[in-house]
């Protein structure tokens, strides 16, 4: 497996050290796991946004009606 060197700020290195699950966990393992968590969260958020868009039409139908408007002006 090929590897490369990247430059990151020293405060980020300190944060990575704090985020380790165990002392000998490599940055490679940690970053790989962080990326997987990020992808999972992103996928879940896309699903939530999808559900929200689907529900918008029904909510508009339920909330935007003459009966509710009549009560607002009572």
N, C-alpha and C. Protein backbone atom coordinates (compact mmCIF):
# COMPACT_ATOMS: atom_id res chain seq x y z
N UNK A 1 0.85 -1.18 0.00
CA UNK A 1 0.00 0.00 0.00
C UNK A 1 0.89 1.24 0.00
N UNK A 2 0.60 2.15 -0.90
CA UNK A 2 1.37 3.38 -0.98
C UNK A 2 0.91 4.35 0.10
N UNK A 3 1.82 5.15 0.57
CA UNK A 3 1.47 6.15 1.57
C UNK A 3 2.01 7.50 1.13
N UNK A 4 1.49 8.53 1.76
CA UNK A 4 1.88 9.89 1.42
C UNK A 4 1.99 10.70 2.70
N UNK A 5 2.59 11.84 2.59
CA UNK A 5 2.71 12.75 3.73
C UNK A 5 1.79 13.93 3.48
N UNK A 6 1.01 14.29 4.50
CA UNK A 6 0.16 15.46 4.39
C UNK A 6 0.53 16.43 5.50
N UNK A 7 0.29 17.70 5.26
CA UNK A 7 0.58 18.71 6.28
C UNK A 7 -0.73 19.11 6.95
N UNK A 8 -0.75 19.01 8.28
CA UNK A 8 -1.90 19.45 9.05
C UNK A 8 -1.41 20.28 10.22
N UNK A 9 -2.27 21.14 10.72
CA UNK A 9 -1.90 22.00 11.85
C UNK A 9 -1.64 21.17 13.11
N UNK A 10 -0.74 21.69 13.95
CA UNK A 10 -0.39 20.98 15.18
C UNK A 10 -1.60 20.82 16.10
N UNK A 11 -2.50 21.80 16.12
CA UNK A 11 -3.68 21.66 16.98
C UNK A 11 -4.60 20.55 16.48
N UNK A 12 -4.60 20.28 15.17
CA UNK A 12 -5.38 19.18 14.63
C UNK A 12 -4.74 17.84 15.04
N UNK A 13 -3.43 17.78 15.04
CA UNK A 13 -2.73 16.57 15.49
C UNK A 13 -3.10 16.30 16.95
N UNK A 14 -3.13 17.34 17.77
CA UNK A 14 -3.49 17.18 19.18
C UNK A 14 -4.93 16.67 19.30
N UNK A 15 -5.82 17.19 18.48
CA UNK A 15 -7.22 16.73 18.50
C UNK A 15 -7.32 15.28 18.06
N UNK A 16 -6.54 14.90 17.07
CA UNK A 16 -6.54 13.50 16.63
C UNK A 16 -6.04 12.58 17.75
N UNK A 17 -5.01 13.01 18.45
CA UNK A 17 -4.50 12.21 19.57
C UNK A 17 -5.58 12.02 20.63
N UNK A 18 -6.34 13.08 20.92
CA UNK A 18 -7.40 13.00 21.92
C UNK A 18 -8.54 12.10 21.46
N UNK A 19 -8.76 12.02 20.14
CA UNK A 19 -9.88 11.26 19.60
C UNK A 19 -9.59 9.76 19.49
N UNK A 20 -8.36 9.36 19.69
CA UNK A 20 -8.01 7.94 19.59
C UNK A 20 -8.86 7.09 20.53
N UNK A 21 -9.21 5.91 20.06
CA UNK A 21 -9.97 4.97 20.90
C UNK A 21 -9.04 4.17 21.81
N UNK A 22 -7.82 4.01 21.39
CA UNK A 22 -6.82 3.34 22.20
C UNK A 22 -5.46 3.94 21.84
N UNK A 23 -4.52 3.90 22.77
CA UNK A 23 -3.25 4.65 22.61
C UNK A 23 -2.45 4.32 21.34
N UNK A 24 -2.46 3.09 20.89
CA UNK A 24 -1.64 2.73 19.73
C UNK A 24 -2.41 2.78 18.41
N UNK A 25 -3.61 3.34 18.44
CA UNK A 25 -4.38 3.49 17.21
C UNK A 25 -3.66 4.47 16.28
N UNK A 26 -3.49 4.06 15.04
CA UNK A 26 -2.79 4.93 14.10
C UNK A 26 -3.73 6.02 13.59
N UNK A 27 -3.11 7.10 13.10
CA UNK A 27 -3.92 8.17 12.51
C UNK A 27 -4.66 7.63 11.29
N UNK A 28 -4.05 6.73 10.56
CA UNK A 28 -4.69 6.14 9.39
C UNK A 28 -5.98 5.42 9.78
N UNK A 29 -5.91 4.60 10.84
CA UNK A 29 -7.10 3.89 11.33
C UNK A 29 -8.16 4.88 11.81
N UNK A 30 -7.72 5.88 12.55
CA UNK A 30 -8.64 6.86 13.11
C UNK A 30 -9.34 7.66 12.01
N UNK A 31 -8.58 8.13 11.05
CA UNK A 31 -9.16 8.92 9.95
C UNK A 31 -10.09 8.06 9.11
N UNK A 32 -9.72 6.81 8.87
CA UNK A 32 -10.57 5.90 8.12
C UNK A 32 -11.92 5.71 8.83
N UNK A 33 -11.87 5.53 10.15
CA UNK A 33 -13.10 5.36 10.92
C UNK A 33 -13.92 6.66 10.92
N UNK A 34 -13.26 7.80 11.06
CA UNK A 34 -13.97 9.09 11.04
C UNK A 34 -14.67 9.29 9.69
N UNK A 35 -14.01 8.92 8.61
CA UNK A 35 -14.61 9.05 7.28
C UNK A 35 -15.84 8.16 7.16
N UNK A 36 -15.77 6.95 7.71
CA UNK A 36 -16.93 6.05 7.64
C UNK A 36 -18.11 6.62 8.42
N UNK A 37 -17.83 7.16 9.60
CA UNK A 37 -18.89 7.78 10.41
C UNK A 37 -19.47 8.98 9.65
N UNK A 38 -18.62 9.80 9.06
CA UNK A 38 -19.07 10.96 8.29
C UNK A 38 -19.98 10.52 7.14
N UNK A 39 -19.57 9.48 6.41
CA UNK A 39 -20.38 8.99 5.29
C UNK A 39 -21.73 8.47 5.77
N UNK A 40 -21.74 7.76 6.89
CA UNK A 40 -22.98 7.22 7.43
C UNK A 40 -23.93 8.35 7.84
N UNK A 41 -23.38 9.37 8.49
CA UNK A 41 -24.21 10.52 8.91
C UNK A 41 -24.75 11.25 7.69
N UNK A 42 -23.89 11.43 6.70
CA UNK A 42 -24.31 12.13 5.47
C UNK A 42 -25.43 11.35 4.78
N UNK A 43 -25.30 10.04 4.72
CA UNK A 43 -26.32 9.21 4.09
C UNK A 43 -27.64 9.31 4.87
N UNK A 44 -27.56 9.29 6.20
CA UNK A 44 -28.75 9.40 7.04
C UNK A 44 -29.41 10.77 6.86
N UNK A 45 -28.59 11.82 6.76
CA UNK A 45 -29.14 13.16 6.56
C UNK A 45 -29.84 13.27 5.20
N UNK A 46 -29.28 12.62 4.19
CA UNK A 46 -29.91 12.64 2.87
C UNK A 46 -31.26 11.93 2.94
N UNK A 47 -31.34 10.86 3.71
CA UNK A 47 -32.59 10.13 3.87
C UNK A 47 -33.61 11.01 4.60
N UNK A 48 -33.15 11.69 5.66
CA UNK A 48 -34.04 12.59 6.41
C UNK A 48 -34.56 13.72 5.53
N UNK A 49 -33.68 14.28 4.70
CA UNK A 49 -34.09 15.34 3.78
C UNK A 49 -35.11 14.81 2.77
N UNK A 50 -34.89 13.59 2.30
CA UNK A 50 -35.81 12.96 1.37
C UNK A 50 -37.19 12.81 2.01
N UNK A 51 -37.24 12.31 3.24
CA UNK A 51 -38.51 12.16 3.94
C UNK A 51 -39.18 13.51 4.16
N UNK A 52 -38.39 14.50 4.52
CA UNK A 52 -38.93 15.84 4.75
C UNK A 52 -39.59 16.37 3.49
N UNK A 53 -38.93 16.20 2.34
CA UNK A 53 -39.49 16.70 1.08
C UNK A 53 -40.79 15.97 0.73
N UNK A 54 -40.83 14.68 0.99
CA UNK A 54 -42.05 13.91 0.73
C UNK A 54 -43.19 14.40 1.62
N UNK A 55 -42.87 14.67 2.87
CA UNK A 55 -43.90 15.07 3.83
C UNK A 55 -44.38 16.51 3.62
N UNK A 56 -43.58 17.33 2.97
CA UNK A 56 -43.95 18.74 2.79
C UNK A 56 -45.30 18.91 2.10
N UNK A 57 -45.55 18.13 1.07
CA UNK A 57 -46.80 18.27 0.33
C UNK A 57 -47.99 17.93 1.22
N UNK A 58 -47.88 16.86 1.98
CA UNK A 58 -48.98 16.46 2.86
C UNK A 58 -49.18 17.49 3.97
N UNK A 59 -48.09 18.00 4.53
CA UNK A 59 -48.20 19.00 5.58
C UNK A 59 -48.84 20.27 5.04
N UNK A 60 -48.48 20.64 3.82
CA UNK A 60 -49.09 21.83 3.21
C UNK A 60 -50.59 21.62 3.07
N UNK A 61 -50.96 20.42 2.63
CA UNK A 61 -52.38 20.08 2.49
C UNK A 61 -53.10 20.16 3.84
N UNK A 62 -52.48 19.66 4.87
CA UNK A 62 -53.10 19.65 6.19
C UNK A 62 -53.18 21.04 6.82
N UNK A 63 -52.16 21.83 6.62
CA UNK A 63 -52.08 23.12 7.30
C UNK A 63 -52.70 24.27 6.50
N UNK A 64 -52.59 24.21 5.20
CA UNK A 64 -53.14 25.29 4.36
C UNK A 64 -54.54 24.92 3.91
N UNK A 65 -55.51 25.18 4.78
CA UNK A 65 -56.88 24.89 4.40
C UNK A 65 -57.79 25.99 4.93
N UNK A 66 -58.96 26.07 4.37
CA UNK A 66 -59.90 27.14 4.68
C UNK A 66 -60.37 27.10 6.14
N UNK A 67 -60.53 25.90 6.69
CA UNK A 67 -60.99 25.77 8.07
C UNK A 67 -60.02 26.42 9.04
N UNK A 68 -58.73 26.20 8.86
CA UNK A 68 -57.72 26.80 9.73
C UNK A 68 -57.70 28.32 9.56
N UNK A 69 -57.83 28.77 8.33
CA UNK A 69 -57.82 30.21 8.07
C UNK A 69 -59.01 30.89 8.74
N UNK A 70 -60.14 30.21 8.78
CA UNK A 70 -61.33 30.76 9.42
C UNK A 70 -61.09 30.94 10.92
N UNK A 71 -60.42 30.00 11.54
CA UNK A 71 -60.12 30.08 12.97
C UNK A 71 -59.13 31.20 13.27
N UNK A 72 -58.20 31.44 12.36
CA UNK A 72 -57.22 32.51 12.55
C UNK A 72 -57.89 33.88 12.60
N UNK A 73 -58.96 34.05 11.83
CA UNK A 73 -59.65 35.34 11.74
C UNK A 73 -60.83 35.46 12.70
N UNK A 74 -61.07 34.43 13.53
CA UNK A 74 -62.21 34.45 14.45
C UNK A 74 -61.99 35.43 15.59
